[in-house]
Structures are given as C-alpha cells and as structure tokens.
Amino acid sequence: MDTPARKLVIACGALAREIAALRRANGWTTLDVTCLPPELHNRPERIAGAVREQIRAHRDDYADIFVAYGDCGTGGALDAVLREEGVERIAGAHCYEFFATPAVFAALSDAEPGTFYLTDFLLRHFERLVIRGLGIDRHPDLLPVYFGNYRRLVYLAQAPKLESTAEAQAIAARLGLEYQFQSTGYGGLAQSLTAFADRPQTVQWRA
C-alpha cells in the first residue's frame, strides 16, 4: 500500500510562527504542521502523552512525522514515547538551546548560570505566560521567589521587530536583571526541519 506524500510536524505552539515562516520561505507545500498549546510548558509532565496522542491520531494520514519539541522538562519521558512510536524530534533540551545552537547556549550558560532566556514568542506573551501564568499579577510577592536566583536576562532573537529590543530591556529592568541581546535566527530549528522536509519518505511505522 502506497504511503501518503504529505509529511507532518507536531510542534510546540511556541514555535508556530517560526515554523510557518520557514515553511513559506522554503516552499514546503507538502509539509503540514499541528501545534500543541504552549501552556503545556507549565505542566511538562503532560507533554509526552499529548505528543503520543497526536502521533497516533495522524499516523495513517502521513508518510512521515517529526516532532518539534526539545525535552522541555519531561525528564526523558518524551524521548521514551518517541522511541516507542518510531518518531524523531529536534535535538536539544529546549528551544533556547536549538535556537542559539548548543555551543552558543553552553557558552551563555557557563558565563552566567543564573540566566533567564527570552525568545520572540516568550517576549510577545510574557504577560500571559509568565506574569499571569505564574500568578505574579495576583501575588506580586512571588516575583522575587521565582526570579531571585537569576542575575541576567538574555533575549535570544529569531526575527525581532523594531520595538522588540526595548520591550526585552523593559522586562529585564522589571525583573531586576542585567540585559543581553543575542541574535540567533532560526538556528537548529531551520536545520532540523530542512533535513526532515528533504529526506526520502522511507519511514515504516510500527505495528
């Protein structure tokens, strides 16, 4: 039985805009994308199960599936699911690492372990995901509890707008952190998706 020609990327919702931009730029017309809610990062123990559900829901409709998630705090649970399902994911512990590339991220972490990282997505949704998501809007006294061990904020910029730097600097000042800008582009996300989009459709699903 012939497999379908289309491929699927199951992605974290925090990567939706970047993946859409890469898809347009590269003309990946046979590449479909489905995204899980970025709020899952607040409950990482649910990520592996949610990804498994998506794989099984879409397996019969696609020739190949790829997962655009790092480990993202699952403690290896996501990789265990992907081994069972015969599906690969992007390399890296989290989006900070694969955007910056492992070498650059390691250098940043070594220079200041107490670093809070922003991406374009987190910058756009900082109030919703961080301030409201962690309850800091209702309990401002939680801010030093969550951020007291940080010393620096690094803005890892993929495709920043003109006002993005000023917004990131304002967040750093609000948190009482030193500020650093690091341009990353799409980093390892672009490399991984290109390799997936271009590879031959030879995947054999497990029974």
Protein backbone atom coordinates (compact mmCIF):
# COMPACT_ATOMS: atom_id res chain seq x y z
CA MET A 1 0.00 0.00 0.00
CA ASP A 2 1.42 3.40 -1.02
CA THR A 3 2.05 5.89 1.76
CA PRO A 4 0.68 9.42 1.51
CA ALA A 5 3.03 12.07 0.11
CA ARG A 6 2.48 14.61 2.86
CA LYS A 7 4.59 14.97 5.98
CA LEU A 8 3.60 16.28 9.40
CA VAL A 9 5.40 18.30 12.05
CA ILE A 10 3.93 18.05 15.56
CA ALA A 11 5.19 21.19 17.25
CA CYS A 12 5.08 23.19 20.42
CA GLY A 13 2.78 26.16 19.91
CA ALA A 14 5.66 28.43 20.92
CA LEU A 15 7.29 27.56 17.57
CA ALA A 16 4.24 28.05 15.35
CA ARG A 17 5.23 31.43 13.89
CA GLU A 18 8.82 30.38 13.22
CA ILE A 19 7.81 27.11 11.56
CA ALA A 20 5.25 28.93 9.40
CA ALA A 21 7.93 31.40 8.30
CA LEU A 22 10.34 28.59 7.39
CA ARG A 23 7.60 26.72 5.56
CA ARG A 24 6.81 29.77 3.42
CA ALA A 25 10.43 30.66 2.77
CA ASN A 26 11.34 27.14 1.66
CA GLY A 27 8.16 26.33 -0.26
CA TRP A 28 7.42 23.23 1.80
CA THR A 29 3.96 22.78 0.33
CA THR A 30 3.67 19.12 1.33
CA LEU A 31 4.62 19.82 4.94
CA ASP A 32 1.73 20.19 7.39
CA VAL A 33 2.01 21.44 10.96
CA THR A 34 -0.12 20.83 14.04
CA CYS A 35 0.68 22.59 17.29
CA LEU A 36 0.10 21.76 20.93
CA PRO A 37 -0.66 24.55 23.41
CA PRO A 38 2.46 26.37 24.66
CA GLU A 39 0.90 26.35 28.13
CA LEU A 40 1.97 22.70 28.37
CA HIS A 41 5.36 24.06 29.40
CA ASN A 42 3.80 24.89 32.75
CA ARG A 43 2.89 21.19 33.08
CA PRO A 44 5.76 19.37 31.33
CA GLU A 45 4.64 16.01 32.70
CA ARG A 46 1.77 16.21 30.19
CA ILE A 47 3.88 16.85 27.08
CA ALA A 48 4.86 13.27 26.29
CA GLY A 49 1.29 11.98 26.47
CA ALA A 50 -0.04 14.85 24.38
CA VAL A 51 2.57 14.22 21.69
CA ARG A 52 1.75 10.50 21.65
CA GLU A 53 -1.93 11.27 21.14
CA GLN A 54 -1.11 13.47 18.14
CA ILE A 55 1.18 10.86 16.59
CA ARG A 56 -1.46 8.17 16.84
CA ALA A 57 -4.23 10.47 15.65
CA HIS A 58 -2.35 11.40 12.46
CA ARG A 59 -0.19 8.38 11.71
CA ASP A 60 -2.43 6.91 9.00
CA ASP A 61 -2.61 10.22 7.13
CA TYR A 62 1.10 10.99 6.72
CA ALA A 63 4.14 9.38 5.20
CA ASP A 64 6.42 10.74 7.89
CA ILE A 65 6.09 12.61 11.20
CA PHE A 66 8.60 14.77 13.04
CA VAL A 67 8.32 16.33 16.49
CA ALA A 68 9.47 19.92 17.02
CA TYR A 69 9.99 19.77 20.77
CA GLY A 70 13.08 19.65 22.90
CA ASP A 71 12.94 17.54 26.02
CA CYS A 72 11.31 20.62 27.56
CA GLY A 73 11.42 19.42 31.14
CA THR A 74 9.92 15.98 30.55
CA GLY A 75 12.94 14.28 32.11
CA GLY A 76 13.31 11.87 29.20
CA ALA A 77 9.63 10.91 29.06
CA LEU A 78 9.19 12.45 25.62
CA ASP A 79 12.14 10.54 24.20
CA ALA A 80 10.77 7.30 25.65
CA VAL A 81 7.45 7.88 23.87
CA LEU A 82 9.16 8.74 20.61
CA ARG A 83 11.28 5.59 20.73
CA GLU A 84 8.13 3.53 21.20
CA GLU A 85 6.38 5.33 18.35
CA GLY A 86 9.37 5.35 15.97
CA VAL A 87 9.38 9.14 15.58
CA GLU A 88 12.29 11.58 15.77
CA ARG A 89 12.44 15.03 17.37
CA ILE A 90 14.63 18.06 17.10
CA ALA A 91 17.88 17.70 19.03
CA GLY A 92 18.26 19.69 22.22
CA ALA A 93 16.96 20.13 25.72
CA HIS A 94 14.73 23.11 24.87
CA CYS A 95 14.13 25.86 22.30
CA TYR A 96 16.77 28.11 23.86
CA GLU A 97 19.42 25.53 23.02
CA PHE A 98 18.34 24.74 19.47
CA PHE A 99 17.73 28.38 18.55
CA ALA A 100 21.09 29.53 19.92
CA THR A 101 22.85 26.26 18.89
CA PRO A 102 24.34 24.01 21.59
CA ALA A 103 27.78 25.65 21.56
CA VAL A 104 26.48 29.21 21.93
CA PHE A 105 23.94 28.21 24.57
CA ALA A 106 26.60 26.38 26.56
CA ALA A 107 28.81 29.46 26.44
CA LEU A 108 25.97 31.67 27.64
CA SER A 109 25.12 29.27 30.46
CA ASP A 110 28.73 28.91 31.53
CA ALA A 111 29.22 32.68 31.59
CA GLU A 112 26.17 33.15 33.86
CA PRO A 113 24.27 30.09 35.11
CA GLY A 114 21.60 32.36 36.58
CA THR A 115 20.21 33.44 33.20
CA PHE A 116 16.56 33.85 32.24
CA TYR A 117 16.04 33.47 28.49
CA LEU A 118 13.50 35.14 26.24
CA THR A 119 12.62 34.08 22.70
CA ASP A 120 10.48 36.09 20.30
CA PHE A 121 7.47 34.02 21.37
CA LEU A 122 8.06 34.46 25.09
CA LEU A 123 8.64 38.16 24.60
CA ARG A 124 5.26 38.52 22.85
CA HIS A 125 3.44 36.50 25.50
CA PHE A 126 5.41 37.37 28.62
CA GLU A 127 2.44 38.83 30.50
CA ARG A 128 0.15 35.89 29.74
CA LEU A 129 2.59 33.01 30.22
CA VAL A 130 4.88 34.35 32.91
CA ILE A 131 3.20 37.11 34.89
CA ARG A 132 -0.35 35.76 34.80
CA GLY A 133 0.64 32.13 34.27
CA LEU A 134 2.73 32.10 37.44
CA GLY A 135 0.24 34.18 39.40
CA ILE A 136 2.58 37.15 39.81
CA ASP A 137 -0.17 39.57 38.74
CA ARG A 138 -2.25 38.44 41.73
CA HIS A 139 0.64 37.94 44.12
CA PRO A 140 3.50 40.35 43.30
CA ASP A 141 5.48 38.99 46.23
CA LEU A 142 6.06 35.85 44.13
CA LEU A 143 8.29 37.73 41.69
CA PRO A 144 11.43 37.55 43.86
CA VAL A 145 10.58 33.94 44.70
CA TYR A 146 10.63 32.93 41.04
CA PHE A 147 13.44 35.23 39.87
CA GLY A 148 15.59 35.73 42.96
CA ASN A 149 18.28 33.34 41.73
CA TYR A 150 18.58 34.92 38.30
CA ARG A 151 21.21 37.55 37.53
CA ARG A 152 20.83 38.14 33.81
CA LEU A 153 18.20 38.13 31.06
CA VAL A 154 19.31 37.09 27.56
CA TYR A 155 16.99 37.86 24.66
CA LEU A 156 17.51 35.16 22.03
CA ALA A 157 16.05 36.90 18.99
CA GLN A 158 14.77 34.95 15.97
CA ALA A 159 13.16 37.66 13.84
CA PRO A 160 12.71 40.65 16.17
CA LYS A 161 10.54 43.66 15.41
CA LEU A 162 11.84 47.21 15.75
CA GLU A 163 10.35 47.53 19.22
CA SER A 164 11.42 44.09 20.48
CA THR A 165 14.73 45.13 21.99
CA ALA A 166 13.13 47.91 24.02
CA GLU A 167 10.44 45.50 25.24
CA ALA A 168 13.02 42.91 26.27
CA GLN A 169 15.07 45.57 28.08
CA ALA A 170 11.93 46.67 29.95
CA ILE A 171 11.29 43.09 31.08
CA ALA A 172 14.87 42.79 32.30
CA ALA A 173 14.51 46.02 34.28
CA ARG A 174 11.19 44.83 35.73
CA LEU A 175 12.85 41.63 36.93
CA GLY A 176 15.93 43.46 38.18
CA LEU A 177 18.24 41.59 35.80
CA GLU A 178 21.17 42.56 33.60
CA TYR A 179 20.28 42.56 29.90
CA GLN A 180 21.98 40.93 26.93
CA PHE A 181 20.88 40.60 23.31
CA GLN A 182 21.79 37.54 21.24
CA SER A 183 20.66 37.21 17.62
CA THR A 184 20.02 33.55 16.75
CA GLY A 185 17.81 33.45 13.69
CA TYR A 186 16.07 30.07 13.47
CA GLY A 187 19.19 28.10 14.41
CA GLY A 188 18.75 24.37 14.78
CA LEU A 189 15.03 24.58 14.09
CA ALA A 190 15.75 25.53 10.49
CA GLN A 191 18.38 22.83 10.12
CA SER A 192 16.19 20.08 11.56
CA LEU A 193 13.10 20.97 9.56
CA THR A 194 15.11 21.23 6.34
CA ALA A 195 16.58 17.77 6.91
CA PHE A 196 13.10 16.37 7.65
CA ALA A 197 11.43 18.05 4.67
CA ASP A 198 14.14 16.83 2.27
CA ARG A 199 14.66 13.28 3.48
CA PRO A 200 13.21 10.36 1.48
CA GLN A 201 9.89 9.04 2.68
CA THR A 202 11.11 5.66 3.85
CA VAL A 203 9.70 5.54 7.36
CA GLN A 204 7.99 2.27 8.26
CA TRP A 205 5.52 2.72 11.09
CA ARG A 206 5.46 0.22 13.89
CA ALA A 207 2.52 -2.11 14.15
